[in-house]
């Protein structure tokens, strides 16, 4: 989708030294408000009412390595809150030091995505939380083992009773996922410069970032990366105009086709959120591109059929820097001690 509007074209013209009237700046903000929304911290999860006790339990479980068979890997291992919600690896390392098939998407603002994982196979964060715990190349555990681990520690039994007070047997795999989902829903990053701009602060973005925003919309980037998460809202082919090389788009990973078994979904992936993208290298589902400028250039060629100039790449990258929001301040919990009844770690494959 290519959107060429008067305001964005005028702002973009500033890249080549043309003057831009004040009206164009007003138009740019209005067009931005039509395409994007600022992050909100008030997130309501359908069919999973929140409570402080559930969020606190979810925080404990997010950092709990004993949910993995080896007692080595937690949710935070691959979605490190301290480093933009990712692990900074091309693909994550899991049980038995096996490398996973795809780059770990950021957990930050993931609650605003239309679905989870690159192929959208999990409808929500609750479903997503169950996947890595059971995946052989990730945490390599089972629902029964997880329940046995948690039931072996009185402090966890008490925490589940507080979080799910109306349930006779609250320590269940479903409740593990529900608690993690509610904690992850708090991991949003408001108050980025772009959020402040969308709320009317004309000085929140630099001139170069405004030029990048104009180009982002003018060139058509916002056709896939829009809404509250600047992406994450729909599925698109990788290589609309020109497929990138096999290193970036390996022929064996057909994306959403593996979920739907529909030919039209070959090499289709959920567009990632671009919020905090400056913190989440390496890029794409393969994690093969380490430089944000290079990622912008690849997107121009593959998705838009445009060879972006160096000044255009610089400006768009500057705009993407404005998407870094206030990072969540999360205290690492002190977890309950294992007991003689706690299943022992399994480290072999």
C-alpha atoms as a PDB file:
ATOM      1  CA  UNK A   1       0.000   0.000   0.000  1.00  0.00           C
ATOM      2  CA  UNK A   2       1.447   3.339  -1.023  1.00  0.00           C
ATOM      3  CA  UNK A   3       0.029   6.506   0.432  1.00  0.00           C
ATOM      4  CA  UNK A   4       1.206   9.755  -1.131  1.00  0.00           C
ATOM      5  CA  UNK A   5      -0.322  12.727   0.619  1.00  0.00           C
ATOM      6  CA  UNK A   6       0.375  16.420   0.219  1.00  0.00           C
ATOM      7  CA  UNK A   7       1.667  16.954   3.729  1.00  0.00           C
ATOM      8  CA  UNK A   8       4.011  13.975   3.773  1.00  0.00           C
ATOM      9  CA  UNK A   9       5.353  14.825   0.346  1.00  0.00           C
ATOM     10  CA  UNK A  10       6.162  18.380   1.429  1.00  0.00           C
ATOM     11  CA  UNK A  11       7.860  17.282   4.621  1.00  0.00           C
ATOM     12  CA  UNK A  12       9.807  14.652   2.708  1.00  0.00           C
ATOM     13  CA  UNK A  13      10.921  17.334   0.293  1.00  0.00           C
ATOM     14  CA  UNK A  14      12.879  18.929   3.117  1.00  0.00           C
ATOM     15  CA  UNK A  15      15.374  16.105   2.663  1.00  0.00           C
ATOM     16  CA  UNK A  16      16.538  17.760  -0.535  1.00  0.00           C
ATOM     17  CA  UNK A  17      16.649  21.238   0.929  1.00  0.00           C
ATOM     18  CA  UNK A  18      13.205  22.578   0.081  1.00  0.00           C
ATOM     19  CA  UNK A  19      11.385  24.781   2.574  1.00  0.00           C
ATOM     20  CA  UNK A  20       8.285  23.396   4.249  1.00  0.00           C
ATOM     21  CA  UNK A  21       5.355  25.666   5.182  1.00  0.00           C
ATOM     22  CA  UNK A  22       3.889  25.460   8.670  1.00  0.00           C
ATOM     23  CA  UNK A  23       0.671  24.062   7.225  1.00  0.00           C
ATOM     24  CA  UNK A  24       2.553  20.979   6.016  1.00  0.00           C
ATOM     25  CA  UNK A  25       3.672  20.227   9.572  1.00  0.00           C
ATOM     26  CA  UNK A  26       0.074  20.423  10.776  1.00  0.00           C
ATOM     27  CA  UNK A  27      -0.982  18.098   7.975  1.00  0.00           C
ATOM     28  CA  UNK A  28       1.752  15.619   8.896  1.00  0.00           C
ATOM     29  CA  UNK A  29       0.484  15.389  12.467  1.00  0.00           C
ATOM     30  CA  UNK A  30      -3.093  14.878  11.332  1.00  0.00           C
ATOM     31  CA  UNK A  31      -2.049  12.138   8.928  1.00  0.00           C
ATOM     32  CA  UNK A  32       0.011  10.498  11.669  1.00  0.00           C
ATOM     33  CA  UNK A  33      -2.936  10.564  14.057  1.00  0.00           C
ATOM     34  CA  UNK A  34      -5.070   8.865  11.407  1.00  0.00           C
ATOM     35  CA  UNK A  35      -2.556   6.025  10.970  1.00  0.00           C
ATOM     36  CA  UNK A  36      -1.234   5.479  14.508  1.00  0.00           C
ATOM     37  CA  UNK A  37      -2.353   5.628  18.132  1.00  0.00           C
ATOM     38  CA  UNK A  38      -0.324   6.315  21.270  1.00  0.00           C
ATOM     39  CA  UNK A  39       0.348   3.459  23.682  1.00  0.00           C
ATOM     40  CA  UNK A  40      -2.087   3.106  26.546  1.00  0.00           C
ATOM     41  CA  UNK A  41      -1.350   1.484  29.889  1.00  0.00           C
ATOM     42  CA  UNK A  42      -4.984   0.507  30.443  1.00  0.00           C
ATOM     43  CA  UNK A  43      -5.171  -2.924  28.817  1.00  0.00           C
ATOM     44  CA  UNK A  44      -8.148  -5.212  29.409  1.00  0.00           C
ATOM     45  CA  UNK A  45      -7.659  -8.929  28.748  1.00  0.00           C
ATOM     46  CA  UNK A  46     -10.723 -10.760  27.470  1.00  0.00           C
ATOM     47  CA  UNK A  47     -11.803 -13.720  29.632  1.00  0.00           C
ATOM     48  CA  UNK A  48      -8.952 -13.152  32.112  1.00  0.00           C
ATOM     49  CA  UNK A  49      -9.840 -10.573  34.753  1.00  0.00           C
ATOM     50  CA  UNK A  50      -6.811  -8.966  36.329  1.00  0.00           C
ATOM     51  CA  UNK A  51      -5.936  -8.571  39.981  1.00  0.00           C
ATOM     52  CA  UNK A  52      -2.763  -7.572  41.832  1.00  0.00           C
ATOM     53  CA  UNK A  53      -2.388 -11.158  43.074  1.00  0.00           C
ATOM     54  CA  UNK A  54      -2.555 -12.571  39.546  1.00  0.00           C
ATOM     55  CA  UNK A  55      -0.095 -10.043  38.152  1.00  0.00           C
ATOM     56  CA  UNK A  56       2.316 -10.716  41.007  1.00  0.00           C
ATOM     57  CA  UNK A  57       2.075 -14.466  40.436  1.00  0.00           C
ATOM     58  CA  UNK A  58       2.655 -13.877  36.725  1.00  0.00           C
ATOM     59  CA  UNK A  59       5.773 -11.863  37.516  1.00  0.00           C
ATOM     60  CA  UNK A  60       7.144 -14.752  39.571  1.00  0.00           C
ATOM     61  CA  UNK A  61       6.357 -17.282  36.860  1.00  0.00           C
ATOM     62  CA  UNK A  62       7.846 -15.105  34.108  1.00  0.00           C
ATOM     63  CA  UNK A  63      11.218 -15.292  35.894  1.00  0.00           C
ATOM     64  CA  UNK A  64      10.830 -18.910  37.084  1.00  0.00           C
ATOM     65  CA  UNK A  65      13.504 -21.158  35.459  1.00  0.00           C
ATOM     66  CA  UNK A  66      12.054 -24.289  37.054  1.00  0.00           C
ATOM     67  CA  UNK A  67       9.187 -24.141  34.576  1.00  0.00           C
ATOM     68  CA  UNK A  68      11.802 -25.578  32.226  1.00  0.00           C
ATOM     69  CA  UNK A  69      12.920 -29.206  32.496  1.00  0.00           C
ATOM     70  CA  UNK A  70      16.529 -28.125  33.004  1.00  0.00           C
ATOM     71  CA  UNK A  71      15.709 -25.445  35.615  1.00  0.00           C
ATOM     72  CA  UNK A  72      17.775 -23.101  33.426  1.00  0.00           C
ATOM     73  CA  UNK A  73      15.354 -21.236  31.154  1.00  0.00           C
ATOM     74  CA  UNK A  74      12.558 -18.843  32.045  1.00  0.00           C
ATOM     75  CA  UNK A  75      10.310 -16.663  29.889  1.00  0.00           C
ATOM     76  CA  UNK A  76      12.757 -13.862  30.579  1.00  0.00           C
ATOM     77  CA  UNK A  77      15.609 -15.875  29.061  1.00  0.00           C
ATOM     78  CA  UNK A  78      14.328 -15.257  25.535  1.00  0.00           C
ATOM     79  CA  UNK A  79      12.270 -12.137  26.267  1.00  0.00           C
ATOM     80  CA  UNK A  80      14.643 -10.231  28.502  1.00  0.00           C
ATOM     81  CA  UNK A  81      12.884  -7.189  29.921  1.00  0.00           C
ATOM     82  CA  UNK A  82      16.256  -5.550  30.533  1.00  0.00           C
ATOM     83  CA  UNK A  83      17.151  -5.642  26.823  1.00  0.00           C
ATOM     84  CA  UNK A  84      14.048  -4.533  24.958  1.00  0.00           C
ATOM     85  CA  UNK A  85      12.073  -7.713  25.632  1.00  0.00           C
ATOM     86  CA  UNK A  86      14.359  -9.871  23.458  1.00  0.00           C
ATOM     87  CA  UNK A  87      17.500 -11.962  23.934  1.00  0.00           C
ATOM     88  CA  UNK A  88      19.611 -10.304  21.248  1.00  0.00           C
ATOM     89  CA  UNK A  89      20.247 -13.617  19.493  1.00  0.00           C
ATOM     90  CA  UNK A  90      19.497 -14.518  15.864  1.00  0.00           C
ATOM     91  CA  UNK A  91      17.419 -17.398  17.224  1.00  0.00           C
ATOM     92  CA  UNK A  92      17.025 -18.295  20.883  1.00  0.00           C
ATOM     93  CA  UNK A  93      19.019 -21.008  22.656  1.00  0.00           C
ATOM     94  CA  UNK A  94      16.976 -23.493  24.635  1.00  0.00           C
ATOM     95  CA  UNK A  95      17.061 -26.966  26.163  1.00  0.00           C
ATOM     96  CA  UNK A  96      20.283 -28.842  25.436  1.00  0.00           C
ATOM     97  CA  UNK A  97      21.660 -25.648  23.870  1.00  0.00           C
ATOM     98  CA  UNK A  98      19.461 -26.215  20.837  1.00  0.00           C
ATOM     99  CA  UNK A  99      18.857 -23.208  18.600  1.00  0.00           C
ATOM    100  CA  UNK A 100      15.250 -22.370  17.888  1.00  0.00           C
ATOM    101  CA  UNK A 101      13.944 -21.863  14.347  1.00  0.00           C
ATOM    102  CA  UNK A 102      13.055 -18.162  14.564  1.00  0.00           C
ATOM    103  CA  UNK A 103      14.094 -14.918  16.191  1.00  0.00           C
ATOM    104  CA  UNK A 104      12.305 -14.204  19.483  1.00  0.00           C
ATOM    105  CA  UNK A 105       9.853 -11.286  19.082  1.00  0.00           C
ATOM    106  CA  UNK A 106       9.795  -8.662  21.809  1.00  0.00           C
ATOM    107  CA  UNK A 107       7.439  -9.207  24.724  1.00  0.00           C
ATOM    108  CA  UNK A 108       7.102  -5.440  25.180  1.00  0.00           C
ATOM    109  CA  UNK A 109       3.705  -4.234  23.947  1.00  0.00           C
ATOM    110  CA  UNK A 110       2.985  -7.763  22.661  1.00  0.00           C
ATOM    111  CA  UNK A 111      -0.444  -7.535  24.285  1.00  0.00           C
ATOM    112  CA  UNK A 112      -1.414  -5.149  21.470  1.00  0.00           C
ATOM    113  CA  UNK A 113      -0.571  -7.587  18.655  1.00  0.00           C
ATOM    114  CA  UNK A 114      -3.391  -9.235  16.725  1.00  0.00           C
ATOM    115  CA  UNK A 115      -1.855 -12.630  17.578  1.00  0.00           C
ATOM    116  CA  UNK A 116       1.423 -14.052  18.862  1.00  0.00           C
ATOM    117  CA  UNK A 117       4.458 -15.668  17.192  1.00  0.00           C
ATOM    118  CA  UNK A 118       5.675 -14.747  13.720  1.00  0.00           C
ATOM    119  CA  UNK A 119       3.029 -16.972  12.143  1.00  0.00           C
ATOM    120  CA  UNK A 120       0.187 -15.971  14.465  1.00  0.00           C
ATOM    121  CA  UNK A 121      -0.402 -19.509  15.691  1.00  0.00           C
ATOM    122  CA  UNK A 122      -1.256 -18.310  19.215  1.00  0.00           C
ATOM    123  CA  UNK A 123      -4.383 -16.181  19.487  1.00  0.00           C
ATOM    124  CA  UNK A 124      -3.232 -14.372  22.637  1.00  0.00           C
ATOM    125  CA  UNK A 125      -0.516 -14.184  25.266  1.00  0.00           C
ATOM    126  CA  UNK A 126      -2.172 -16.924  27.295  1.00  0.00           C
ATOM    127  CA  UNK A 127      -1.866 -19.387  24.418  1.00  0.00           C
ATOM    128  CA  UNK A 128       1.622 -18.122  23.633  1.00  0.00           C
ATOM    129  CA  UNK A 129       2.844 -18.726  27.182  1.00  0.00           C
ATOM    130  CA  UNK A 130       2.072 -22.438  26.925  1.00  0.00           C
ATOM    131  CA  UNK A 131       4.070 -22.959  23.734  1.00  0.00           C
ATOM    132  CA  UNK A 132       7.687 -22.346  24.794  1.00  0.00           C
ATOM    133  CA  UNK A 133       7.224 -24.246  28.068  1.00  0.00           C
ATOM    134  CA  UNK A 134       6.395 -27.392  26.095  1.00  0.00           C
ATOM    135  CA  UNK A 135       8.636 -26.877  23.046  1.00  0.00           C
ATOM    136  CA  UNK A 136      11.508 -29.371  22.921  1.00  0.00           C
ATOM    137  CA  UNK A 137      14.003 -26.744  21.722  1.00  0.00           C
ATOM    138  CA  UNK A 138      12.929 -24.219  24.361  1.00  0.00           C
ATOM    139  CA  UNK A 139      11.920 -25.212  27.898  1.00  0.00           C
ATOM    140  CA  UNK A 140      11.162 -28.886  27.117  1.00  0.00           C
ATOM    141  CA  UNK A 141       8.668 -29.389  29.929  1.00  0.00           C
ATOM    142  CA  UNK A 142       5.107 -30.703  30.150  1.00  0.00           C
ATOM    143  CA  UNK A 143       1.940 -29.421  31.844  1.00  0.00           C
ATOM    144  CA  UNK A 144       2.068 -32.232  34.395  1.00  0.00           C
ATOM    145  CA  UNK A 145       5.699 -31.518  35.268  1.00  0.00           C
ATOM    146  CA  UNK A 146       4.999 -27.787  35.635  1.00  0.00           C
ATOM    147  CA  UNK A 147       2.121 -28.476  38.023  1.00  0.00           C
ATOM    148  CA  UNK A 148       4.275 -30.916  40.010  1.00  0.00           C
ATOM    149  CA  UNK A 149       7.078 -28.352  40.308  1.00  0.00           C
ATOM    150  CA  UNK A 150       4.750 -25.605  41.527  1.00  0.00           C
ATOM    151  CA  UNK A 151       2.805 -27.852  43.899  1.00  0.00           C
ATOM    152  CA  UNK A 152       6.079 -28.924  45.501  1.00  0.00           C
ATOM    153  CA  UNK A 153       6.573 -25.449  46.978  1.00  0.00           C
ATOM    154  CA  UNK A 154       4.111 -24.188  49.632  1.00  0.00           C
ATOM    155  CA  UNK A 155       4.737 -20.546  48.713  1.00  0.00           C
ATOM    156  CA  UNK A 156       3.520 -21.189  45.173  1.00  0.00           C
ATOM    157  CA  UNK A 157       0.429 -23.037  46.383  1.00  0.00           C
ATOM    158  CA  UNK A 158      -0.381 -20.021  48.536  1.00  0.00           C
ATOM    159  CA  UNK A 159       0.257 -17.586  45.675  1.00  0.00           C
ATOM    160  CA  UNK A 160      -2.068 -19.517  43.355  1.00  0.00           C
ATOM    161  CA  UNK A 161      -4.739 -19.616  46.075  1.00  0.00           C
ATOM    162  CA  UNK A 162      -4.550 -15.814  46.375  1.00  0.00           C
ATOM    163  CA  UNK A 163      -4.619 -15.328  42.610  1.00  0.00           C
ATOM    164  CA  UNK A 164      -7.481 -17.771  41.960  1.00  0.00           C
ATOM    165  CA  UNK A 165      -9.407 -17.723  45.266  1.00  0.00           C
ATOM    166  CA  UNK A 166     -12.596 -19.347  44.001  1.00  0.00           C
ATOM    167  CA  UNK A 167     -10.966 -22.473  42.613  1.00  0.00           C
ATOM    168  CA  UNK A 168     -10.699 -25.723  44.543  1.00  0.00           C
ATOM    169  CA  UNK A 169      -7.415 -26.684  42.868  1.00  0.00           C
ATOM    170  CA  UNK A 170      -5.876 -23.442  41.549  1.00  0.00           C
ATOM    171  CA  UNK A 171      -2.440 -24.813  40.583  1.00  0.00           C
ATOM    172  CA  UNK A 172      -3.145 -25.683  36.947  1.00  0.00           C
ATOM    173  CA  UNK A 173      -1.286 -25.220  33.683  1.00  0.00           C
ATOM    174  CA  UNK A 174      -4.107 -22.989  32.427  1.00  0.00           C
ATOM    175  CA  UNK A 175      -3.715 -20.733  35.459  1.00  0.00           C
ATOM    176  CA  UNK A 176       0.033 -20.561  34.895  1.00  0.00           C
ATOM    177  CA  UNK A 177      -0.663 -19.189  31.427  1.00  0.00           C
ATOM    178  CA  UNK A 178      -3.349 -16.803  32.694  1.00  0.00           C
ATOM    179  CA  UNK A 179      -1.036 -15.318  35.313  1.00  0.00           C
ATOM    180  CA  UNK A 180       1.838 -14.891  32.868  1.00  0.00           C
ATOM    181  CA  UNK A 181      -0.512 -13.248  30.371  1.00  0.00           C
ATOM    182  CA  UNK A 182      -1.651 -10.656  32.914  1.00  0.00           C
ATOM    183  CA  UNK A 183       1.910  -9.838  33.914  1.00  0.00           C
ATOM    184  CA  UNK A 184       3.004  -9.516  30.295  1.00  0.00           C
ATOM    185  CA  UNK A 185       0.066  -7.173  29.671  1.00  0.00           C
ATOM    186  CA  UNK A 186       1.800  -4.710  32.028  1.00  0.00           C
ATOM    187  CA  UNK A 187       4.941  -4.679  29.868  1.00  0.00           C
ATOM    188  CA  UNK A 188       4.019  -1.670  27.775  1.00  0.00           C
ATOM    189  CA  UNK A 189       6.278   1.237  26.895  1.00  0.00           C
ATOM    190  CA  UNK A 190       4.380   4.533  26.873  1.00  0.00           C
ATOM    191  CA  UNK A 191       5.678   8.065  26.525  1.00  0.00           C
ATOM    192  CA  UNK A 192       7.978   7.615  23.551  1.00  0.00           C
ATOM    193  CA  UNK A 193       8.758  10.802  21.622  1.00  0.00           C
ATOM    194  CA  UNK A 194       6.339   9.568  18.953  1.00  0.00           C
ATOM    195  CA  UNK A 195       3.592   9.044  21.550  1.00  0.00           C
ATOM    196  CA  UNK A 196       4.076  12.609  22.770  1.00  0.00           C
ATOM    197  CA  UNK A 197       3.944  13.825  19.179  1.00  0.00           C
ATOM    198  CA  UNK A 198       0.687  11.951  18.552  1.00  0.00           C
ATOM    199  CA  UNK A 199      -0.733  13.644  21.642  1.00  0.00           C
ATOM    200  CA  UNK A 200       0.001  17.055  20.148  1.00  0.00           C
ATOM    201  CA  UNK A 201       3.546  17.928  21.220  1.00  0.00           C
ATOM    202  CA  UNK A 202       4.975  19.295  17.983  1.00  0.00           C
ATOM    203  CA  UNK A 203       8.462  19.512  19.482  1.00  0.00           C
ATOM    204  CA  UNK A 204       8.617  15.880  20.590  1.00  0.00           C
ATOM    205  CA  UNK A 205      10.208  14.829  17.292  1.00  0.00           C
ATOM    206  CA  UNK A 206      13.292  16.357  15.720  1.00  0.00           C
ATOM    207  CA  UNK A 207      13.056  17.745  12.197  1.00  0.00           C
ATOM    208  CA  UNK A 208      14.862  14.673  10.900  1.00  0.00           C
ATOM    209  CA  UNK A 209      12.433  12.363  12.706  1.00  0.00           C
ATOM    210  CA  UNK A 210       9.502  14.268  11.202  1.00  0.00           C
ATOM    211  CA  UNK A 211      11.072  13.860   7.779  1.00  0.00           C
ATOM    212  CA  UNK A 212      11.407  10.151   8.488  1.00  0.00           C
ATOM    213  CA  UNK A 213       7.784   9.937   9.610  1.00  0.00           C
ATOM    214  CA  UNK A 214       6.681  11.642   6.401  1.00  0.00           C
ATOM    215  CA  UNK A 215       8.715   9.220   4.308  1.00  0.00           C
ATOM    216  CA  UNK A 216       7.460   6.262   6.375  1.00  0.00           C
ATOM    217  CA  UNK A 217       3.920   7.127   5.331  1.00  0.00           C
ATOM    218  CA  UNK A 218       4.691   8.444   1.848  1.00  0.00           C
ATOM    219  CA  UNK A 219       6.704   5.390   0.779  1.00  0.00           C
ATOM    220  CA  UNK A 220       4.079   2.988   2.117  1.00  0.00           C
ATOM    221  CA  UNK A 221       5.773   1.550   5.239  1.00  0.00           C
ATOM    222  CA  UNK A 222       2.676   2.424   7.241  1.00  0.00           C
ATOM    223  CA  UNK A 223       0.611   0.131   5.028  1.00  0.00           C
ATOM    224  CA  UNK A 224       1.900  -2.785   7.137  1.00  0.00           C
ATOM    225  CA  UNK A 225       3.212  -0.963  10.202  1.00  0.00           C
ATOM    226  CA  UNK A 226       0.347   1.077  11.617  1.00  0.00           C
ATOM    227  CA  UNK A 227      -1.981   1.233  14.600  1.00  0.00           C
ATOM    228  CA  UNK A 228      -1.080   1.345  18.265  1.00  0.00           C
ATOM    229  CA  UNK A 229       1.901  -1.010  17.869  1.00  0.00           C
ATOM    230  CA  UNK A 230       3.186   0.462  14.592  1.00  0.00           C
ATOM    231  CA  UNK A 231       2.768  -3.079  13.264  1.00  0.00           C
ATOM    232  CA  UNK A 232       1.630  -6.407  14.639  1.00  0.00           C
ATOM    233  CA  UNK A 233      -1.914  -5.962  13.346  1.00  0.00           C
ATOM    234  CA  UNK A 234      -1.988  -8.182  10.243  1.00  0.00           C
ATOM    235  CA  UNK A 235      -0.116 -10.688   8.054  1.00  0.00           C
ATOM    236  CA  UNK A 236       1.865  -9.897   4.915  1.00  0.00           C
ATOM    237  CA  UNK A 237       4.127 -11.709   2.442  1.00  0.00           C
ATOM    238  CA  UNK A 238       7.840 -11.163   3.016  1.00  0.00           C
ATOM    239  CA  UNK A 239       8.974 -10.098  -0.427  1.00  0.00           C
ATOM    240  CA  UNK A 240       5.895  -8.422  -1.908  1.00  0.00           C
ATOM    241  CA  UNK A 241       7.939  -6.987  -4.773  1.00  0.00           C
ATOM    242  CA  UNK A 242      11.243  -8.834  -4.562  1.00  0.00           C
ATOM    243  CA  UNK A 243      12.068 -11.766  -2.305  1.00  0.00           C
ATOM    244  CA  UNK A 244      15.241 -11.211  -0.269  1.00  0.00           C
ATOM    245  CA  UNK A 245      18.051 -13.757  -0.346  1.00  0.00           C
ATOM    246  CA  UNK A 246      17.703 -17.203   1.195  1.00  0.00           C
ATOM    247  CA  UNK A 247      19.704 -16.167   4.260  1.00  0.00           C
ATOM    248  CA  UNK A 248      17.039 -13.596   5.204  1.00  0.00           C
ATOM    249  CA  UNK A 249      14.117 -15.619   3.803  1.00  0.00           C
ATOM    250  CA  UNK A 250      15.051 -19.326   3.898  1.00  0.00           C
ATOM    251  CA  UNK A 251      13.005 -21.464   1.532  1.00  0.00           C
ATOM    252  CA  UNK A 252      12.243 -24.026   4.236  1.00  0.00           C
ATOM    253  CA  UNK A 253      10.348 -21.650   6.526  1.00  0.00           C
ATOM    254  CA  UNK A 254       7.051 -20.918   4.809  1.00  0.00           C
ATOM    255  CA  UNK A 255       5.679 -18.834   7.660  1.00  0.00           C
ATOM    256  CA  UNK A 256       1.929 -18.791   8.177  1.00  0.00           C
ATOM    257  CA  UNK A 257       1.483 -21.592   5.630  1.00  0.00           C
ATOM    258  CA  UNK A 258       2.582 -23.959   8.400  1.00  0.00           C
ATOM    259  CA  UNK A 259      -0.472 -22.855  10.407  1.00  0.00           C
ATOM    260  CA  UNK A 260      -3.154 -22.564   7.718  1.00  0.00           C
ATOM    261  CA  UNK A 261      -1.829 -24.957   5.049  1.00  0.00           C
ATOM    262  CA  UNK A 262      -3.107 -22.421   2.519  1.00  0.00           C
ATOM    263  CA  UNK A 263      -0.941 -21.723  -0.523  1.00  0.00           C
ATOM    264  CA  UNK A 264      -1.577 -17.975  -0.324  1.00  0.00           C
ATOM    265  CA  UNK A 265       0.066 -17.965   3.107  1.00  0.00           C
ATOM    266  CA  UNK A 266       3.460 -19.191   1.917  1.00  0.00           C
ATOM    267  CA  UNK A 267       6.174 -16.839   3.228  1.00  0.00           C
ATOM    268  CA  UNK A 268       3.521 -14.750   4.974  1.00  0.00           C
ATOM    269  CA  UNK A 269       4.352 -13.483   8.473  1.00  0.00           C
ATOM    270  CA  UNK A 270       2.738 -11.231  11.049  1.00  0.00           C
ATOM    271  CA  UNK A 271       4.231  -7.791  10.695  1.00  0.00           C
ATOM    272  CA  UNK A 272       6.303  -7.115  13.817  1.00  0.00           C
ATOM    273  CA  UNK A 273       5.711  -4.155  16.064  1.00  0.00           C
ATOM    274  CA  UNK A 274       8.285  -1.450  15.413  1.00  0.00           C
ATOM    275  CA  UNK A 275       7.971  -0.009  18.899  1.00  0.00           C
ATOM    276  CA  UNK A 276      11.392  -0.092  20.590  1.00  0.00           C
ATOM    277  CA  UNK A 277      12.834  -1.487  17.351  1.00  0.00           C
ATOM    278  CA  UNK A 278      16.112   0.336  17.990  1.00  0.00           C
ATOM    279  CA  UNK A 279      16.581  -1.992  20.991  1.00  0.00           C
ATOM    280  CA  UNK A 280      15.657  -5.311  19.401  1.00  0.00           C
ATOM    281  CA  UNK A 281      18.385  -6.254  16.896  1.00  0.00           C
ATOM    282  CA  UNK A 282      18.892  -8.582  15.111  1.00  0.00           C
ATOM    283  CA  UNK A 283      15.934  -8.193  12.779  1.00  0.00           C
ATOM    284  CA  UNK A 284      13.406 -10.276  10.846  1.00  0.00           C
ATOM    285  CA  UNK A 285      12.210 -13.762  11.729  1.00  0.00           C
ATOM    286  CA  UNK A 286      15.646 -15.167  10.903  1.00  0.00           C
ATOM    287  CA  UNK A 287      17.570 -12.631  12.976  1.00  0.00           C
ATOM    288  CA  UNK A 288      20.126 -12.279  10.207  1.00  0.00           C
ATOM    289  CA  UNK A 289      20.195  -8.481   9.917  1.00  0.00           C
ATOM    290  CA  UNK A 290      21.944  -6.684  12.754  1.00  0.00           C
ATOM    291  CA  UNK A 291      21.806  -3.087  11.539  1.00  0.00           C
ATOM    292  CA  UNK A 292      18.550  -1.127  11.614  1.00  0.00           C
ATOM    293  CA  UNK A 293      19.562   0.940   8.593  1.00  0.00           C
ATOM    294  CA  UNK A 294      20.107  -2.253   6.617  1.00  0.00           C
ATOM    295  CA  UNK A 295      16.710  -3.565   7.730  1.00  0.00           C
ATOM    296  CA  UNK A 296      15.090  -0.360   6.446  1.00  0.00           C
ATOM    297  CA  UNK A 297      16.866  -0.756   3.101  1.00  0.00           C
ATOM    298  CA  UNK A 298      15.787  -4.406   2.796  1.00  0.00           C
ATOM    299  CA  UNK A 299      12.185  -3.462   3.494  1.00  0.00           C
ATOM    300  CA  UNK A 300      12.314  -0.747   0.860  1.00  0.00           C
ATOM    301  CA  UNK A 301      13.517  -3.152  -1.806  1.00  0.00           C
ATOM    302  CA  UNK A 302      11.527  -6.235  -0.833  1.00  0.00           C
ATOM    303  CA  UNK A 303       8.211  -4.765   0.260  1.00  0.00           C
ATOM    304  CA  UNK A 304       7.959  -1.469  -1.594  1.00  0.00           C
ATOM    305  CA  UNK A 305      10.073  -1.976  -4.696  1.00  0.00           C
ATOM    306  CA  UNK A 306      11.979   1.183  -3.811  1.00  0.00           C
ATOM    307  CA  UNK A 307      15.712   1.715  -3.610  1.00  0.00           C
ATOM    308  CA  UNK A 308      15.859   4.182  -0.746  1.00  0.00           C
ATOM    309  CA  UNK A 309      18.564   6.830  -0.825  1.00  0.00           C
ATOM    310  CA  UNK A 310      21.030   7.162   2.029  1.00  0.00           C
ATOM    311  CA  UNK A 311      19.332  10.358   3.311  1.00  0.00           C
ATOM    312  CA  UNK A 312      15.946   8.612   3.186  1.00  0.00           C
ATOM    313  CA  UNK A 313      17.287   5.612   5.111  1.00  0.00           C
ATOM    314  CA  UNK A 314      18.842   7.957   7.680  1.00  0.00           C
ATOM    315  CA  UNK A 315      15.578   9.857   8.160  1.00  0.00           C
ATOM    316  CA  UNK A 316      13.389   6.760   8.449  1.00  0.00           C
ATOM    317  CA  UNK A 317      15.856   5.235  10.920  1.00  0.00           C
ATOM    318  CA  UNK A 318      15.758   8.459  12.951  1.00  0.00           C
ATOM    319  CA  UNK A 319      11.954   8.191  13.046  1.00  0.00           C
ATOM    320  CA  UNK A 320      12.193   4.586  14.215  1.00  0.00           C
ATOM    321  CA  UNK A 321      14.423   5.759  17.071  1.00  0.00           C
ATOM    322  CA  UNK A 322      11.513   7.918  18.240  1.00  0.00           C
ATOM    323  CA  UNK A 323       9.471   4.748  18.899  1.00  0.00           C
ATOM    324  CA  UNK A 324      11.533   3.824  21.969  1.00  0.00           C
ATOM    325  CA  UNK A 325       9.240   4.300  24.936  1.00  0.00           C
ATOM    326  CA  UNK A 326       9.612   4.272  28.696  1.00  0.00           C
ATOM    327  CA  UNK A 327      10.872   0.814  29.572  1.00  0.00           C
ATOM    328  CA  UNK A 328       8.970  -1.111  32.272  1.00  0.00           C
ATOM    329  CA  UNK A 329      10.678  -1.035  35.663  1.00  0.00           C
ATOM    330  CA  UNK A 330      10.320  -4.615  36.849  1.00  0.00           C
ATOM    331  CA  UNK A 331      11.822  -5.880  40.082  1.00  0.00           C
ATOM    332  CA  UNK A 332      13.223  -9.389  39.796  1.00  0.00           C
ATOM    333  CA  UNK A 333      11.280 -11.523  42.277  1.00  0.00           C
ATOM    334  CA  UNK A 334      12.794 -13.689  44.987  1.00  0.00           C
ATOM    335  CA  UNK A 335      11.404 -17.115  44.146  1.00  0.00           C
ATOM    336  CA  UNK A 336      10.422 -19.887  46.577  1.00  0.00           C
ATOM    337  CA  UNK A 337      13.095 -22.433  47.433  1.00  0.00           C
ATOM    338  CA  UNK A 338      12.855 -25.915  45.981  1.00  0.00           C
ATOM    339  CA  UNK A 339      11.859 -28.703  48.353  1.00  0.00           C
ATOM    340  CA  UNK A 340      12.706 -32.429  48.404  1.00  0.00           C
ATOM    341  CA  UNK A 341       9.491 -32.953  46.445  1.00  0.00           C
ATOM    342  CA  UNK A 342      10.543 -30.636  43.589  1.00  0.00           C
ATOM    343  CA  UNK A 343      11.306 -32.632  40.427  1.00  0.00           C
ATOM    344  CA  UNK A 344      15.031 -32.598  39.742  1.00  0.00           C
ATOM    345  CA  UNK A 345      16.429 -30.837  36.677  1.00  0.00           C
ATOM    346  CA  UNK A 346      16.783 -32.779  33.434  1.00  0.00           C
ATOM    347  CA  UNK A 347      19.588 -31.453  31.253  1.00  0.00           C
ATOM    348  CA  UNK A 348      19.952 -34.176  28.627  1.00  0.00           C
ATOM    349  CA  UNK A 349      17.949 -34.205  25.412  1.00  0.00           C
END
